[in-house]
Amino acid sequence: MHDRWNLDGTWGTCDAYCQKYAGGP
């Protein structure tokens, strides 16, 4: 239901949680 690797843009996708909680890739 989610891919952890989107949380910090590891494979190129920085999703809403990445943008809000990590401040970007």
mmCIF file of all heavy atoms, coordinates in Angstrom:
data_MODEL
# 
_entry.id   MODEL 
# 
loop_
_atom_site.group_PDB 
_atom_site.id 
_atom_site.type_symbol 
_atom_site.label_atom_id 
_atom_site.label_alt_id 
_atom_site.label_comp_id 
_atom_site.label_asym_id 
_atom_site.label_entity_id 
_atom_site.label_seq_id 
_atom_site.pdbx_PDB_ins_code 
_atom_site.Cartn_x 
_atom_site.Cartn_y 
_atom_site.Cartn_z 
_atom_site.occupancy 
_atom_site.B_iso_or_equiv 
_atom_site.pdbx_formal_charge 
_atom_site.auth_seq_id 
_atom_site.auth_comp_id 
_atom_site.auth_asym_id 
_atom_site.auth_atom_id 
_atom_site.pdbx_PDB_model_num 
ATOM 1   N N   . MET A 1 1  ? 0.806  -1.213 0.000  1.00 0.00 ? 1  MET A N   1 
ATOM 2   C CA  . MET A 1 1  ? 0.000  0.000  0.000  1.00 0.00 ? 1  MET A CA  1 
ATOM 3   C C   . MET A 1 1  ? 0.848  1.277  0.000  1.00 0.00 ? 1  MET A C   1 
ATOM 4   O O   . MET A 1 1  ? 0.323  2.383  -0.123 1.00 0.00 ? 1  MET A O   1 
ATOM 5   C CB  . MET A 1 1  ? -0.956 -0.033 1.184  1.00 0.00 ? 1  MET A CB  1 
ATOM 6   C CG  . MET A 1 1  ? -1.857 -1.283 1.136  1.00 0.00 ? 1  MET A CG  1 
ATOM 7   S SD  . MET A 1 1  ? -2.737 -1.618 2.665  1.00 0.00 ? 1  MET A SD  1 
ATOM 8   C CE  . MET A 1 1  ? -4.273 -0.749 2.374  1.00 0.00 ? 1  MET A CE  1 
ATOM 9   N N   . HIS A 1 2  ? 2.147  1.112  0.108  1.00 0.00 ? 2  HIS A N   1 
ATOM 10  C CA  . HIS A 1 2  ? 3.095  2.220  0.004  1.00 0.00 ? 2  HIS A CA  1 
ATOM 11  C C   . HIS A 1 2  ? 4.474  1.617  -0.225 1.00 0.00 ? 2  HIS A C   1 
ATOM 12  O O   . HIS A 1 2  ? 4.721  0.466  0.145  1.00 0.00 ? 2  HIS A O   1 
ATOM 13  C CB  . HIS A 1 2  ? 3.103  3.066  1.286  1.00 0.00 ? 2  HIS A CB  1 
ATOM 14  C CG  . HIS A 1 2  ? 3.939  4.313  1.170  1.00 0.00 ? 2  HIS A CG  1 
ATOM 15  N ND1 . HIS A 1 2  ? 5.247  4.391  1.620  1.00 0.00 ? 2  HIS A ND1 1 
ATOM 16  C CD2 . HIS A 1 2  ? 3.655  5.529  0.640  1.00 0.00 ? 2  HIS A CD2 1 
ATOM 17  C CE1 . HIS A 1 2  ? 5.726  5.603  1.376  1.00 0.00 ? 2  HIS A CE1 1 
ATOM 18  N NE2 . HIS A 1 2  ? 4.793  6.311  0.786  1.00 0.00 ? 2  HIS A NE2 1 
ATOM 19  N N   . ASP A 1 3  ? 5.351  2.388  -0.849 1.00 0.00 ? 3  ASP A N   1 
ATOM 20  C CA  . ASP A 1 3  ? 6.740  1.973  -1.024 1.00 0.00 ? 3  ASP A CA  1 
ATOM 21  C C   . ASP A 1 3  ? 7.630  2.880  -0.192 1.00 0.00 ? 3  ASP A C   1 
ATOM 22  O O   . ASP A 1 3  ? 7.710  4.087  -0.445 1.00 0.00 ? 3  ASP A O   1 
ATOM 23  C CB  . ASP A 1 3  ? 7.144  2.049  -2.491 1.00 0.00 ? 3  ASP A CB  1 
ATOM 24  C CG  . ASP A 1 3  ? 8.545  1.511  -2.744 1.00 0.00 ? 3  ASP A CG  1 
ATOM 25  O OD1 . ASP A 1 3  ? 9.166  0.976  -1.797 1.00 0.00 ? 3  ASP A OD1 1 
ATOM 26  O OD2 . ASP A 1 3  ? 9.016  1.627  -3.892 1.00 0.00 ? 3  ASP A OD2 1 
ATOM 27  N N   . ARG A 1 4  ? 8.279  2.298  0.822  1.00 0.00 ? 4  ARG A N   1 
ATOM 28  C CA  . ARG A 1 4  ? 9.137  3.085  1.700  1.00 0.00 ? 4  ARG A CA  1 
ATOM 29  C C   . ARG A 1 4  ? 10.147 3.929  0.932  1.00 0.00 ? 4  ARG A C   1 
ATOM 30  O O   . ARG A 1 4  ? 10.521 5.026  1.343  1.00 0.00 ? 4  ARG A O   1 
ATOM 31  C CB  . ARG A 1 4  ? 9.870  2.152  2.677  1.00 0.00 ? 4  ARG A CB  1 
ATOM 32  C CG  . ARG A 1 4  ? 10.988 2.824  3.499  1.00 0.00 ? 4  ARG A CG  1 
ATOM 33  C CD  . ARG A 1 4  ? 12.346 2.649  2.836  1.00 0.00 ? 4  ARG A CD  1 
ATOM 34  N NE  . ARG A 1 4  ? 13.394 3.414  3.498  1.00 0.00 ? 4  ARG A NE  1 
ATOM 35  C CZ  . ARG A 1 4  ? 13.704 4.672  3.237  1.00 0.00 ? 4  ARG A CZ  1 
ATOM 36  N NH1 . ARG A 1 4  ? 13.011 5.372  2.343  1.00 0.00 ? 4  ARG A NH1 1 
ATOM 37  N NH2 . ARG A 1 4  ? 14.707 5.279  3.843  1.00 0.00 ? 4  ARG A NH2 1 
ATOM 38  N N   . TRP A 1 5  ? 10.610 3.430  -0.231 1.00 0.00 ? 5  TRP A N   1 
ATOM 39  C CA  . TRP A 1 5  ? 11.683 4.112  -0.960 1.00 0.00 ? 5  TRP A CA  1 
ATOM 40  C C   . TRP A 1 5  ? 11.206 5.401  -1.618 1.00 0.00 ? 5  TRP A C   1 
ATOM 41  O O   . TRP A 1 5  ? 12.016 6.175  -2.136 1.00 0.00 ? 5  TRP A O   1 
ATOM 42  C CB  . TRP A 1 5  ? 12.323 3.142  -1.951 1.00 0.00 ? 5  TRP A CB  1 
ATOM 43  C CG  . TRP A 1 5  ? 12.795 1.926  -1.230 1.00 0.00 ? 5  TRP A CG  1 
ATOM 44  C CD1 . TRP A 1 5  ? 12.265 0.664  -1.287 1.00 0.00 ? 5  TRP A CD1 1 
ATOM 45  C CD2 . TRP A 1 5  ? 13.873 1.852  -0.282 1.00 0.00 ? 5  TRP A CD2 1 
ATOM 46  N NE1 . TRP A 1 5  ? 12.941 -0.185 -0.447 1.00 0.00 ? 5  TRP A NE1 1 
ATOM 47  C CE2 . TRP A 1 5  ? 13.922 0.522  0.190  1.00 0.00 ? 5  TRP A CE2 1 
ATOM 48  C CE3 . TRP A 1 5  ? 14.778 2.780  0.222  1.00 0.00 ? 5  TRP A CE3 1 
ATOM 49  C CZ2 . TRP A 1 5  ? 14.865 0.098  1.134  1.00 0.00 ? 5  TRP A CZ2 1 
ATOM 50  C CZ3 . TRP A 1 5  ? 15.710 2.359  1.164  1.00 0.00 ? 5  TRP A CZ3 1 
ATOM 51  C CH2 . TRP A 1 5  ? 15.750 1.031  1.608  1.00 0.00 ? 5  TRP A CH2 1 
ATOM 52  N N   . ASN A 1 6  ? 9.884  5.661  -1.563 1.00 0.00 ? 6  ASN A N   1 
ATOM 53  C CA  . ASN A 1 6  ? 9.363  6.958  -2.009 1.00 0.00 ? 6  ASN A CA  1 
ATOM 54  C C   . ASN A 1 6  ? 9.490  8.027  -0.929 1.00 0.00 ? 6  ASN A C   1 
ATOM 55  O O   . ASN A 1 6  ? 9.274  9.207  -1.198 1.00 0.00 ? 6  ASN A O   1 
ATOM 56  C CB  . ASN A 1 6  ? 7.888  6.841  -2.415 1.00 0.00 ? 6  ASN A CB  1 
ATOM 57  C CG  . ASN A 1 6  ? 7.700  6.023  -3.669 1.00 0.00 ? 6  ASN A CG  1 
ATOM 58  O OD1 . ASN A 1 6  ? 8.658  5.704  -4.371 1.00 0.00 ? 6  ASN A OD1 1 
ATOM 59  N ND2 . ASN A 1 6  ? 6.457  5.666  -3.960 1.00 0.00 ? 6  ASN A ND2 1 
ATOM 60  N N   . LEU A 1 7  ? 9.816  7.618  0.295  1.00 0.00 ? 7  LEU A N   1 
ATOM 61  C CA  . LEU A 1 7  ? 9.878  8.579  1.397  1.00 0.00 ? 7  LEU A CA  1 
ATOM 62  C C   . LEU A 1 7  ? 11.085 9.502  1.301  1.00 0.00 ? 7  LEU A C   1 
ATOM 63  O O   . LEU A 1 7  ? 11.086 10.585 1.887  1.00 0.00 ? 7  LEU A O   1 
ATOM 64  C CB  . LEU A 1 7  ? 9.906  7.845  2.743  1.00 0.00 ? 7  LEU A CB  1 
ATOM 65  C CG  . LEU A 1 7  ? 8.605  7.136  3.151  1.00 0.00 ? 7  LEU A CG  1 
ATOM 66  C CD1 . LEU A 1 7  ? 8.831  6.339  4.428  1.00 0.00 ? 7  LEU A CD1 1 
ATOM 67  C CD2 . LEU A 1 7  ? 7.479  8.141  3.350  1.00 0.00 ? 7  LEU A CD2 1 
ATOM 68  N N   . ASP A 1 8  ? 12.123 9.076  0.613  1.00 0.00 ? 8  ASP A N   1 
ATOM 69  C CA  . ASP A 1 8  ? 13.279 9.957  0.443  1.00 0.00 ? 8  ASP A CA  1 
ATOM 70  C C   . ASP A 1 8  ? 13.796 9.951  -0.994 1.00 0.00 ? 8  ASP A C   1 
ATOM 71  O O   . ASP A 1 8  ? 14.935 10.308 -1.256 1.00 0.00 ? 8  ASP A O   1 
ATOM 72  C CB  . ASP A 1 8  ? 14.402 9.603  1.422  1.00 0.00 ? 8  ASP A CB  1 
ATOM 73  C CG  . ASP A 1 8  ? 14.820 8.145  1.342  1.00 0.00 ? 8  ASP A CG  1 
ATOM 74  O OD1 . ASP A 1 8  ? 14.395 7.448  0.395  1.00 0.00 ? 8  ASP A OD1 1 
ATOM 75  O OD2 . ASP A 1 8  ? 15.572 7.692  2.223  1.00 0.00 ? 8  ASP A OD2 1 
ATOM 76  N N   . GLY A 1 9  ? 12.927 9.553  -1.917 1.00 0.00 ? 9  GLY A N   1 
ATOM 77  C CA  . GLY A 1 9  ? 13.271 9.642  -3.326 1.00 0.00 ? 9  GLY A CA  1 
ATOM 78  C C   . GLY A 1 9  ? 14.390 8.723  -3.768 1.00 0.00 ? 9  GLY A C   1 
ATOM 79  O O   . GLY A 1 9  ? 15.099 9.017  -4.736 1.00 0.00 ? 9  GLY A O   1 
ATOM 80  N N   . THR A 1 10 ? 14.534 7.572  -3.092 1.00 0.00 ? 10 THR A N   1 
ATOM 81  C CA  . THR A 1 10 ? 15.644 6.670  -3.403 1.00 0.00 ? 10 THR A CA  1 
ATOM 82  C C   . THR A 1 10 ? 15.670 6.289  -4.873 1.00 0.00 ? 10 THR A C   1 
ATOM 83  O O   . THR A 1 10 ? 16.732 6.267  -5.510 1.00 0.00 ? 10 THR A O   1 
ATOM 84  C CB  . THR A 1 10 ? 15.561 5.402  -2.534 1.00 0.00 ? 10 THR A CB  1 
ATOM 85  O OG1 . THR A 1 10 ? 15.624 5.772  -1.160 1.00 0.00 ? 10 THR A OG1 1 
ATOM 86  C CG2 . THR A 1 10 ? 16.703 4.447  -2.852 1.00 0.00 ? 10 THR A CG2 1 
ATOM 87  N N   . TRP A 1 11 ? 14.512 5.977  -5.448 1.00 0.00 ? 11 TRP A N   1 
ATOM 88  C CA  . TRP A 1 11 ? 14.459 5.548  -6.853 1.00 0.00 ? 11 TRP A CA  1 
ATOM 89  C C   . TRP A 1 11 ? 13.794 6.596  -7.742 1.00 0.00 ? 11 TRP A C   1 
ATOM 90  O O   . TRP A 1 11 ? 13.295 6.272  -8.808 1.00 0.00 ? 11 TRP A O   1 
ATOM 91  C CB  . TRP A 1 11 ? 13.718 4.207  -6.962 1.00 0.00 ? 11 TRP A CB  1 
ATOM 92  C CG  . TRP A 1 11 ? 14.362 3.124  -6.157 1.00 0.00 ? 11 TRP A CG  1 
ATOM 93  C CD1 . TRP A 1 11 ? 13.856 2.486  -5.066 1.00 0.00 ? 11 TRP A CD1 1 
ATOM 94  C CD2 . TRP A 1 11 ? 15.660 2.545  -6.370 1.00 0.00 ? 11 TRP A CD2 1 
ATOM 95  N NE1 . TRP A 1 11 ? 14.736 1.558  -4.578 1.00 0.00 ? 11 TRP A NE1 1 
ATOM 96  C CE2 . TRP A 1 11 ? 15.859 1.567  -5.362 1.00 0.00 ? 11 TRP A CE2 1 
ATOM 97  C CE3 . TRP A 1 11 ? 16.682 2.761  -7.302 1.00 0.00 ? 11 TRP A CE3 1 
ATOM 98  C CZ2 . TRP A 1 11 ? 17.024 0.807  -5.266 1.00 0.00 ? 11 TRP A CZ2 1 
ATOM 99  C CZ3 . TRP A 1 11 ? 17.848 2.008  -7.202 1.00 0.00 ? 11 TRP A CZ3 1 
ATOM 100 C CH2 . TRP A 1 11 ? 18.001 1.050  -6.207 1.00 0.00 ? 11 TRP A CH2 1 
ATOM 101 N N   . GLY A 1 12 ? 13.752 7.842  -7.256 1.00 0.00 ? 12 GLY A N   1 
ATOM 102 C CA  . GLY A 1 12 ? 13.298 8.928  -8.127 1.00 0.00 ? 12 GLY A CA  1 
ATOM 103 C C   . GLY A 1 12 ? 11.932 9.494  -7.812 1.00 0.00 ? 12 GLY A C   1 
ATOM 104 O O   . GLY A 1 12 ? 11.582 10.563 -8.317 1.00 0.00 ? 12 GLY A O   1 
ATOM 105 N N   . THR A 1 13 ? 11.116 8.801  -7.010 1.00 0.00 ? 13 THR A N   1 
ATOM 106 C CA  . THR A 1 13 ? 9.802  9.304  -6.637 1.00 0.00 ? 13 THR A CA  1 
ATOM 107 C C   . THR A 1 13 ? 9.848  9.858  -5.222 1.00 0.00 ? 13 THR A C   1 
ATOM 108 O O   . THR A 1 13 ? 10.158 9.135  -4.275 1.00 0.00 ? 13 THR A O   1 
ATOM 109 C CB  . THR A 1 13 ? 8.733  8.197  -6.725 1.00 0.00 ? 13 THR A CB  1 
ATOM 110 O OG1 . THR A 1 13 ? 8.611  7.752  -8.082 1.00 0.00 ? 13 THR A OG1 1 
ATOM 111 C CG2 . THR A 1 13 ? 7.386  8.709  -6.244 1.00 0.00 ? 13 THR A CG2 1 
ATOM 112 N N   . CYS A 1 14 ? 9.548  11.129 -5.066 1.00 0.00 ? 14 CYS A N   1 
ATOM 113 C CA  . CYS A 1 14 ? 9.455  11.776 -3.756 1.00 0.00 ? 14 CYS A CA  1 
ATOM 114 C C   . CYS A 1 14 ? 7.990  12.149 -3.564 1.00 0.00 ? 14 CYS A C   1 
ATOM 115 O O   . CYS A 1 14 ? 7.509  13.148 -4.097 1.00 0.00 ? 14 CYS A O   1 
ATOM 116 C CB  . CYS A 1 14 ? 10.350 13.005 -3.699 1.00 0.00 ? 14 CYS A CB  1 
ATOM 117 S SG  . CYS A 1 14 ? 10.295 13.934 -2.149 1.00 0.00 ? 14 CYS A SG  1 
ATOM 118 N N   . ASP A 1 15 ? 7.261  11.326 -2.834 1.00 0.00 ? 15 ASP A N   1 
ATOM 119 C CA  . ASP A 1 15 ? 5.813  11.495 -2.732 1.00 0.00 ? 15 ASP A CA  1 
ATOM 120 C C   . ASP A 1 15 ? 5.447  12.535 -1.676 1.00 0.00 ? 15 ASP A C   1 
ATOM 121 O O   . ASP A 1 15 ? 6.304  13.258 -1.148 1.00 0.00 ? 15 ASP A O   1 
ATOM 122 C CB  . ASP A 1 15 ? 5.131  10.154 -2.483 1.00 0.00 ? 15 ASP A CB  1 
ATOM 123 C CG  . ASP A 1 15 ? 5.459  9.535  -1.121 1.00 0.00 ? 15 ASP A CG  1 
ATOM 124 O OD1 . ASP A 1 15 ? 6.103  10.194 -0.278 1.00 0.00 ? 15 ASP A OD1 1 
ATOM 125 O OD2 . ASP A 1 15 ? 5.039  8.377  -0.899 1.00 0.00 ? 15 ASP A OD2 1 
ATOM 126 N N   . ALA A 1 16 ? 4.154  12.635 -1.351 1.00 0.00 ? 16 ALA A N   1 
ATOM 127 C CA  . ALA A 1 16 ? 3.684  13.662 -0.423 1.00 0.00 ? 16 ALA A CA  1 
ATOM 128 C C   . ALA A 1 16 ? 4.342  13.536 0.948  1.00 0.00 ? 16 ALA A C   1 
ATOM 129 O O   . ALA A 1 16 ? 4.664  14.544 1.589  1.00 0.00 ? 16 ALA A O   1 
ATOM 130 C CB  . ALA A 1 16 ? 2.161  13.572 -0.291 1.00 0.00 ? 16 ALA A CB  1 
ATOM 131 N N   . TYR A 1 17 ? 4.568  12.302 1.411  1.00 0.00 ? 17 TYR A N   1 
ATOM 132 C CA  . TYR A 1 17 ? 5.186  12.106 2.724  1.00 0.00 ? 17 TYR A CA  1 
ATOM 133 C C   . TYR A 1 17 ? 6.660  12.522 2.682  1.00 0.00 ? 17 TYR A C   1 
ATOM 134 O O   . TYR A 1 17 ? 7.188  13.081 3.637  1.00 0.00 ? 17 TYR A O   1 
ATOM 135 C CB  . TYR A 1 17 ? 5.046  10.647 3.161  1.00 0.00 ? 17 TYR A CB  1 
ATOM 136 C CG  . TYR A 1 17 ? 3.605  10.230 3.320  1.00 0.00 ? 17 TYR A CG  1 
ATOM 137 C CD1 . TYR A 1 17 ? 2.931  9.586  2.278  1.00 0.00 ? 17 TYR A CD1 1 
ATOM 138 C CD2 . TYR A 1 17 ? 2.911  10.489 4.489  1.00 0.00 ? 17 TYR A CD2 1 
ATOM 139 C CE1 . TYR A 1 17 ? 1.605  9.222  2.409  1.00 0.00 ? 17 TYR A CE1 1 
ATOM 140 C CE2 . TYR A 1 17 ? 1.586  10.125 4.632  1.00 0.00 ? 17 TYR A CE2 1 
ATOM 141 C CZ  . TYR A 1 17 ? 0.932  9.491  3.586  1.00 0.00 ? 17 TYR A CZ  1 
ATOM 142 O OH  . TYR A 1 17 ? -0.383 9.138  3.710  1.00 0.00 ? 17 TYR A OH  1 
ATOM 143 N N   . CYS A 1 18 ? 7.306  12.240 1.573  1.00 0.00 ? 18 CYS A N   1 
ATOM 144 C CA  . CYS A 1 18 ? 8.689  12.676 1.366  1.00 0.00 ? 18 CYS A CA  1 
ATOM 145 C C   . CYS A 1 18 ? 8.772  14.194 1.420  1.00 0.00 ? 18 CYS A C   1 
ATOM 146 O O   . CYS A 1 18 ? 9.644  14.769 2.099  1.00 0.00 ? 18 CYS A O   1 
ATOM 147 C CB  . CYS A 1 18 ? 9.179  12.148 0.024  1.00 0.00 ? 18 CYS A CB  1 
ATOM 148 S SG  . CYS A 1 18 ? 10.749 12.798 -0.572 1.00 0.00 ? 18 CYS A SG  1 
ATOM 149 N N   . GLN A 1 19 ? 7.862  14.856 0.734  1.00 0.00 ? 19 GLN A N   1 
ATOM 150 C CA  . GLN A 1 19 ? 7.893  16.314 0.669  1.00 0.00 ? 19 GLN A CA  1 
ATOM 151 C C   . GLN A 1 19 ? 7.579  16.947 2.020  1.00 0.00 ? 19 GLN A C   1 
ATOM 152 O O   . GLN A 1 19 ? 8.185  17.969 2.393  1.00 0.00 ? 19 GLN A O   1 
ATOM 153 C CB  . GLN A 1 19 ? 6.903  16.795 -0.384 1.00 0.00 ? 19 GLN A CB  1 
ATOM 154 C CG  . GLN A 1 19 ? 7.280  16.386 -1.804 1.00 0.00 ? 19 GLN A CG  1 
ATOM 155 C CD  . GLN A 1 19 ? 6.150  16.556 -2.782 1.00 0.00 ? 19 GLN A CD  1 
ATOM 156 O OE1 . GLN A 1 19 ? 5.517  17.598 -2.846 1.00 0.00 ? 19 GLN A OE1 1 
ATOM 157 N NE2 . GLN A 1 19 ? 5.875  15.516 -3.567 1.00 0.00 ? 19 GLN A NE2 1 
ATOM 158 N N   . LYS A 1 20 ? 6.655  16.345 2.770  1.00 0.00 ? 20 LYS A N   1 
ATOM 159 C CA  . LYS A 1 20 ? 6.256  16.944 4.047  1.00 0.00 ? 20 LYS A CA  1 
ATOM 160 C C   . LYS A 1 20 ? 7.213  16.621 5.184  1.00 0.00 ? 20 LYS A C   1 
ATOM 161 O O   . LYS A 1 20 ? 7.545  17.489 5.996  1.00 0.00 ? 20 LYS A O   1 
ATOM 162 C CB  . LYS A 1 20 ? 4.847  16.489 4.425  1.00 0.00 ? 20 LYS A CB  1 
ATOM 163 C CG  . LYS A 1 20 ? 4.361  17.093 5.748  1.00 0.00 ? 20 LYS A CG  1 
ATOM 164 C CD  . LYS A 1 20 ? 2.887  16.827 5.993  1.00 0.00 ? 20 LYS A CD  1 
ATOM 165 C CE  . LYS A 1 20 ? 2.437  17.520 7.278  1.00 0.00 ? 20 LYS A CE  1 
ATOM 166 N NZ  . LYS A 1 20 ? 0.991  17.359 7.527  1.00 0.00 ? 20 LYS A NZ  1 
ATOM 167 N N   . TYR A 1 21 ? 7.672  15.355 5.238  1.00 0.00 ? 21 TYR A N   1 
ATOM 168 C CA  . TYR A 1 21 ? 8.421  14.918 6.412  1.00 0.00 ? 21 TYR A CA  1 
ATOM 169 C C   . TYR A 1 21 ? 9.931  14.825 6.195  1.00 0.00 ? 21 TYR A C   1 
ATOM 170 O O   . TYR A 1 21 ? 10.694 14.806 7.159  1.00 0.00 ? 21 TYR A O   1 
ATOM 171 C CB  . TYR A 1 21 ? 7.878  13.576 6.914  1.00 0.00 ? 21 TYR A CB  1 
ATOM 172 C CG  . TYR A 1 21 ? 6.475  13.706 7.447  1.00 0.00 ? 21 TYR A CG  1 
ATOM 173 C CD1 . TYR A 1 21 ? 5.384  13.314 6.684  1.00 0.00 ? 21 TYR A CD1 1 
ATOM 174 C CD2 . TYR A 1 21 ? 6.239  14.263 8.697  1.00 0.00 ? 21 TYR A CD2 1 
ATOM 175 C CE1 . TYR A 1 21 ? 4.090  13.461 7.160  1.00 0.00 ? 21 TYR A CE1 1 
ATOM 176 C CE2 . TYR A 1 21 ? 4.955  14.413 9.186  1.00 0.00 ? 21 TYR A CE2 1 
ATOM 177 C CZ  . TYR A 1 21 ? 3.881  14.009 8.408  1.00 0.00 ? 21 TYR A CZ  1 
ATOM 178 O OH  . TYR A 1 21 ? 2.601  14.169 8.891  1.00 0.00 ? 21 TYR A OH  1 
ATOM 179 N N   . ALA A 1 22 ? 10.353 14.748 4.944  1.00 0.00 ? 22 ALA A N   1 
ATOM 180 C CA  . ALA A 1 22 ? 11.796 14.666 4.678  1.00 0.00 ? 22 ALA A CA  1 
ATOM 181 C C   . ALA A 1 22 ? 12.335 15.927 4.021  1.00 0.00 ? 22 ALA A C   1 
ATOM 182 O O   . ALA A 1 22 ? 13.539 16.097 3.922  1.00 0.00 ? 22 ALA A O   1 
ATOM 183 C CB  . ALA A 1 22 ? 12.113 13.452 3.814  1.00 0.00 ? 22 ALA A CB  1 
ATOM 184 N N   . GLY A 1 23 ? 11.426 16.786 3.548  1.00 0.00 ? 23 GLY A N   1 
ATOM 185 C CA  . GLY A 1 23 ? 11.884 18.028 2.934  1.00 0.00 ? 23 GLY A CA  1 
ATOM 186 C C   . GLY A 1 23 ? 12.493 17.832 1.570  1.00 0.00 ? 23 GLY A C   1 
ATOM 187 O O   . GLY A 1 23 ? 13.237 18.689 1.092  1.00 0.00 ? 23 GLY A O   1 
ATOM 188 N N   . GLY A 1 24 ? 12.192 16.687 0.934  1.00 0.00 ? 24 GLY A N   1 
ATOM 189 C CA  . GLY A 1 24 ? 12.705 16.443 -0.404 1.00 0.00 ? 24 GLY A CA  1 
ATOM 190 C C   . GLY A 1 24 ? 13.575 15.204 -0.452 1.00 0.00 ? 24 GLY A C   1 
ATOM 191 O O   . GLY A 1 24 ? 13.870 14.587 0.568  1.00 0.00 ? 24 GLY A O   1 
ATOM 192 N N   . PRO A 1 25 ? 13.978 14.814 -1.659 1.00 0.00 ? 25 PRO A N   1 
ATOM 193 C CA  . PRO A 1 25 ? 14.748 13.580 -1.825 1.00 0.00 ? 25 PRO A CA  1 
ATOM 194 C C   . PRO A 1 25 ? 16.121 13.646 -1.171 1.00 0.00 ? 25 PRO A C   1 
ATOM 195 O O   . PRO A 1 25 ? 16.733 14.703 -1.067 1.00 0.00 ? 25 PRO A O   1 
ATOM 196 C CB  . PRO A 1 25 ? 14.855 13.427 -3.339 1.00 0.00 ? 25 PRO A CB  1 
ATOM 197 C CG  . PRO A 1 25 ? 14.650 14.796 -3.884 1.00 0.00 ? 25 PRO A CG  1 
ATOM 198 C CD  . PRO A 1 25 ? 13.704 15.480 -2.940 1.00 0.00 ? 25 PRO A CD  1 
# 
